[in-house]
Amino acid sequence: MKKITSALAAVTLLGGLALGAGSASAAPMAISGLQAGQPGITQVRMSSSERMMLKKRMMRKKMMRRHMMKKRMMNRM
């Protein structure tokens, strides 16, 4: 029992250290939201048709997710 709890504690500690190091080593962001070392990136605007296509895709995904959940609930009963 002691071995399992000590192993869990070690894994938790190592996982926390890995997450902390990952967030601390992130490159600083410039004010404009772009990273400092990438001047070649330009922002482009989305047209209304592109925005509508994205919206429709998201709505379809949400609808399919709801459909799957409803199907699962009906199969469980």
C-alpha atoms as a PDB file:
ATOM      1  CA  MET A   1       0.000   0.000   0.000  1.00  0.00           C
ATOM      2  CA  LYS A   2       2.834   2.367   0.877  1.00  0.00           C
ATOM      3  CA  LYS A   3       4.549   1.580  -2.428  1.00  0.00           C
ATOM      4  CA  ILE A   4       1.448   2.529  -4.414  1.00  0.00           C
ATOM      5  CA  THR A   5       0.923   5.817  -2.568  1.00  0.00           C
ATOM      6  CA  SER A   6       4.593   6.762  -2.881  1.00  0.00           C
ATOM      7  CA  ALA A   7       4.514   5.919  -6.607  1.00  0.00           C
ATOM      8  CA  LEU A   8       1.402   8.073  -7.077  1.00  0.00           C
ATOM      9  CA  ALA A   9       3.020  10.944  -5.196  1.00  0.00           C
ATOM     10  CA  ALA A  10       6.157  10.695  -7.362  1.00  0.00           C
ATOM     11  CA  VAL A  11       4.137  10.653 -10.580  1.00  0.00           C
ATOM     12  CA  THR A  12       2.108  13.657  -9.446  1.00  0.00           C
ATOM     13  CA  LEU A  13       5.245  15.571  -8.505  1.00  0.00           C
ATOM     14  CA  LEU A  14       6.973  14.794 -11.819  1.00  0.00           C
ATOM     15  CA  GLY A  15       3.856  15.692 -13.784  1.00  0.00           C
ATOM     16  CA  GLY A  16       3.577  19.021 -11.982  1.00  0.00           C
ATOM     17  CA  LEU A  17       7.227  19.785 -12.665  1.00  0.00           C
ATOM     18  CA  ALA A  18       6.836  18.930 -16.350  1.00  0.00           C
ATOM     19  CA  LEU A  19       3.801  21.186 -16.677  1.00  0.00           C
ATOM     20  CA  GLY A  20       5.509  23.993 -14.796  1.00  0.00           C
ATOM     21  CA  ALA A  21       8.618  23.799 -16.978  1.00  0.00           C
ATOM     22  CA  GLY A  22       6.520  23.748 -20.148  1.00  0.00           C
ATOM     23  CA  SER A  23       4.614  26.892 -19.266  1.00  0.00           C
ATOM     24  CA  ALA A  24       7.713  28.689 -17.967  1.00  0.00           C
ATOM     25  CA  SER A  25       9.726  28.011 -21.117  1.00  0.00           C
ATOM     26  CA  ALA A  26       7.127  29.497 -23.465  1.00  0.00           C
ATOM     27  CA  ALA A  27       8.436  32.269 -25.684  1.00  0.00           C
ATOM     28  CA  PRO A  28       7.303  35.770 -24.679  1.00  0.00           C
ATOM     29  CA  MET A  29       4.525  37.187 -26.799  1.00  0.00           C
ATOM     30  CA  ALA A  30       4.621  40.620 -28.383  1.00  0.00           C
ATOM     31  CA  ILE A  31       1.854  43.155 -27.795  1.00  0.00           C
ATOM     32  CA  SER A  32       0.281  42.453 -31.193  1.00  0.00           C
ATOM     33  CA  GLY A  33      -0.165  38.783 -30.236  1.00  0.00           C
ATOM     34  CA  LEU A  34       2.535  37.475 -32.604  1.00  0.00           C
ATOM     35  CA  GLN A  35       5.747  35.906 -31.410  1.00  0.00           C
ATOM     36  CA  ALA A  36       8.756  38.195 -31.590  1.00  0.00           C
ATOM     37  CA  GLY A  37      10.805  35.974 -33.931  1.00  0.00           C
ATOM     38  CA  GLN A  38       8.204  35.655 -36.709  1.00  0.00           C
ATOM     39  CA  PRO A  39       7.865  38.906 -38.688  1.00  0.00           C
ATOM     40  CA  GLY A  40       6.606  37.115 -41.838  1.00  0.00           C
ATOM     41  CA  ILE A  41       3.119  36.379 -40.447  1.00  0.00           C
ATOM     42  CA  THR A  42       0.337  38.687 -41.568  1.00  0.00           C
ATOM     43  CA  GLN A  43      -3.219  38.803 -40.336  1.00  0.00           C
ATOM     44  CA  VAL A  44      -6.005  38.411 -42.873  1.00  0.00           C
ATOM     45  CA  ARG A  45      -9.703  39.075 -42.498  1.00  0.00           C
ATOM     46  CA  MET A  46     -12.337  36.433 -42.968  1.00  0.00           C
ATOM     47  CA  SER A  47     -15.041  37.128 -45.501  1.00  0.00           C
ATOM     48  CA  SER A  48     -18.669  36.817 -44.457  1.00  0.00           C
ATOM     49  CA  SER A  49     -19.107  33.658 -46.557  1.00  0.00           C
ATOM     50  CA  GLU A  50     -16.126  32.004 -44.840  1.00  0.00           C
ATOM     51  CA  ARG A  51     -17.507  33.005 -41.448  1.00  0.00           C
ATOM     52  CA  MET A  52     -20.899  31.549 -42.359  1.00  0.00           C
ATOM     53  CA  MET A  53     -19.301  28.290 -43.505  1.00  0.00           C
ATOM     54  CA  LEU A  54     -17.478  27.993 -40.178  1.00  0.00           C
ATOM     55  CA  LYS A  55     -20.658  28.744 -38.268  1.00  0.00           C
ATOM     56  CA  LYS A  56     -22.596  26.112 -40.211  1.00  0.00           C
ATOM     57  CA  ARG A  57     -19.871  23.541 -39.624  1.00  0.00           C
ATOM     58  CA  MET A  58     -19.876  24.229 -35.888  1.00  0.00           C
ATOM     59  CA  MET A  59     -23.667  24.012 -35.743  1.00  0.00           C
ATOM     60  CA  ARG A  60     -23.584  20.702 -37.608  1.00  0.00           C
ATOM     61  CA  LYS A  61     -20.960  19.297 -35.215  1.00  0.00           C
ATOM     62  CA  LYS A  62     -23.040  20.386 -32.226  1.00  0.00           C
ATOM     63  CA  MET A  63     -26.169  18.829 -33.728  1.00  0.00           C
ATOM     64  CA  MET A  64     -24.387  15.527 -34.409  1.00  0.00           C
ATOM     65  CA  ARG A  65     -22.996  15.494 -30.868  1.00  0.00           C
ATOM     66  CA  ARG A  66     -26.499  16.002 -29.455  1.00  0.00           C
ATOM     67  CA  HIS A  67     -27.833  13.273 -31.723  1.00  0.00           C
ATOM     68  CA  MET A  68     -25.159  10.819 -30.552  1.00  0.00           C
ATOM     69  CA  MET A  69     -25.825  11.597 -26.898  1.00  0.00           C
ATOM     70  CA  LYS A  70     -29.574  11.169 -27.354  1.00  0.00           C
ATOM     71  CA  LYS A  71     -29.003   7.846 -29.117  1.00  0.00           C
ATOM     72  CA  ARG A  72     -26.769   6.662 -26.277  1.00  0.00           C
ATOM     73  CA  MET A  73     -29.331   7.618 -23.662  1.00  0.00           C
ATOM     74  CA  MET A  74     -32.096   5.796 -25.515  1.00  0.00           C
ATOM     75  CA  ASN A  75     -29.963   2.653 -25.860  1.00  0.00           C
ATOM     76  CA  ARG A  76     -29.203   2.633 -22.131  1.00  0.00           C
ATOM     77  CA  MET A  77     -32.879   2.425 -21.170  1.00  0.00           C
END
